[in-house]
Amino acid sequence: MIENYALEEATPKGVPTGHFVMKKMNALLAAEEVLKTHGAMSGKEQEEFLDKNFEKTWGHFDQANEGKLDVEVMGPFFRYMLGNM
């Protein structure tokens, strides 16, 4: 997650903080990969699944409406999205 999708936050002076987050678009791209590799979904099936489940899952985890999530919650995020919680 960190290598391919997460963004490292920085101080106002641009110094990296070591704190990694996922913005919505990054999470969506990661969700596409998770569905392909762990859910054997692609194409229209994947698109329909994401249309039905991604926004609901994002809203469940981004309750403060910050537009980002800590990278550490992505495991539970994907389990919730896949209906495994």
Protein backbone atom coordinates (compact mmCIF):
# COMPACT_ATOMS: atom_id res chain seq x y z
CA MET A 1 0.00 0.00 0.00
CA ILE A 2 2.67 2.48 1.01
CA GLU A 3 4.92 1.86 -1.99
CA ASN A 4 2.23 2.00 -4.65
CA TYR A 5 -0.65 4.12 -3.38
CA ALA A 6 -0.08 6.04 -0.14
CA LEU A 7 1.11 9.62 0.12
CA GLU A 8 3.53 10.78 2.79
CA GLU A 9 2.41 13.89 4.61
CA ALA A 10 4.84 16.75 5.13
CA THR A 11 5.22 19.73 7.42
CA PRO A 12 4.37 23.20 6.09
CA LYS A 13 8.08 23.53 5.20
CA GLY A 14 7.93 20.35 3.12
CA VAL A 15 9.74 18.04 5.54
CA PRO A 16 8.40 14.46 5.28
CA THR A 17 6.67 13.32 8.48
CA GLY A 18 6.71 9.56 8.02
CA HIS A 19 2.90 9.56 8.24
CA PHE A 20 1.26 7.96 5.22
CA VAL A 21 -2.32 8.53 4.11
CA MET A 22 -4.61 7.48 1.31
CA LYS A 23 -6.60 10.08 -0.57
CA LYS A 24 -9.84 8.95 -2.17
CA MET A 25 -8.39 8.46 -5.66
CA ASN A 26 -5.46 6.47 -4.27
CA ALA A 27 -7.87 4.28 -2.33
CA LEU A 28 -9.97 3.72 -5.45
CA LEU A 29 -6.92 2.65 -7.46
CA ALA A 30 -5.88 0.30 -4.66
CA ALA A 31 -9.44 -1.07 -4.48
CA GLU A 32 -9.29 -1.91 -8.18
CA GLU A 33 -6.10 -3.89 -7.59
CA VAL A 34 -7.52 -5.66 -4.53
CA LEU A 35 -10.62 -6.68 -6.45
CA LYS A 36 -8.51 -7.96 -9.33
CA THR A 37 -6.00 -9.90 -7.23
CA HIS A 38 -8.17 -11.07 -4.32
CA GLY A 39 -11.67 -10.94 -5.73
CA ALA A 40 -10.96 -12.16 -9.27
CA MET A 41 -12.97 -9.22 -10.60
CA SER A 42 -12.24 -7.08 -13.62
CA GLY A 43 -14.02 -5.10 -16.28
CA LYS A 44 -17.72 -4.43 -15.92
CA GLU A 45 -18.10 -6.67 -12.86
CA GLN A 46 -15.39 -4.72 -11.01
CA GLU A 47 -16.83 -1.37 -12.11
CA GLU A 48 -20.33 -2.30 -10.91
CA PHE A 49 -18.98 -3.59 -7.59
CA LEU A 50 -17.06 -0.37 -6.99
CA ASP A 51 -20.05 1.76 -8.01
CA LYS A 52 -22.13 -0.08 -5.43
CA ASN A 53 -19.62 -0.34 -2.57
CA PHE A 54 -16.70 2.11 -2.74
CA GLU A 55 -18.45 5.37 -1.80
CA LYS A 56 -20.33 3.70 1.05
CA THR A 57 -17.08 2.25 2.39
CA TRP A 58 -15.20 5.55 2.01
CA GLY A 59 -17.96 7.36 3.90
CA HIS A 60 -17.91 4.76 6.67
CA PHE A 61 -14.18 5.27 7.25
CA ASP A 62 -13.91 9.02 6.52
CA GLN A 63 -16.58 10.06 9.00
CA ALA A 64 -14.80 13.35 9.73
CA ASN A 65 -14.91 14.11 5.99
CA GLU A 66 -11.16 14.83 5.89
CA GLY A 67 -10.70 13.41 2.39
CA LYS A 68 -7.94 11.08 3.54
CA LEU A 69 -7.45 7.94 5.62
CA ASP A 70 -4.44 6.66 7.50
CA VAL A 71 -2.82 3.89 5.50
CA GLU A 72 -3.14 1.60 8.55
CA VAL A 73 -6.94 1.39 8.13
CA MET A 74 -6.81 0.13 4.55
CA GLY A 75 -6.92 -3.53 5.60
CA PRO A 76 -10.20 -3.03 7.47
CA PHE A 77 -11.37 -0.72 4.66
CA PHE A 78 -11.04 -3.47 2.05
CA ARG A 79 -12.55 -6.15 4.33
CA TYR A 80 -15.54 -3.87 4.92
CA MET A 81 -15.86 -3.11 1.21
CA LEU A 82 -15.79 -6.81 0.41
CA GLY A 83 -18.38 -7.55 3.10
CA ASN A 84 -16.04 -9.51 5.38
CA MET A 85 -16.58 -7.52 8.59
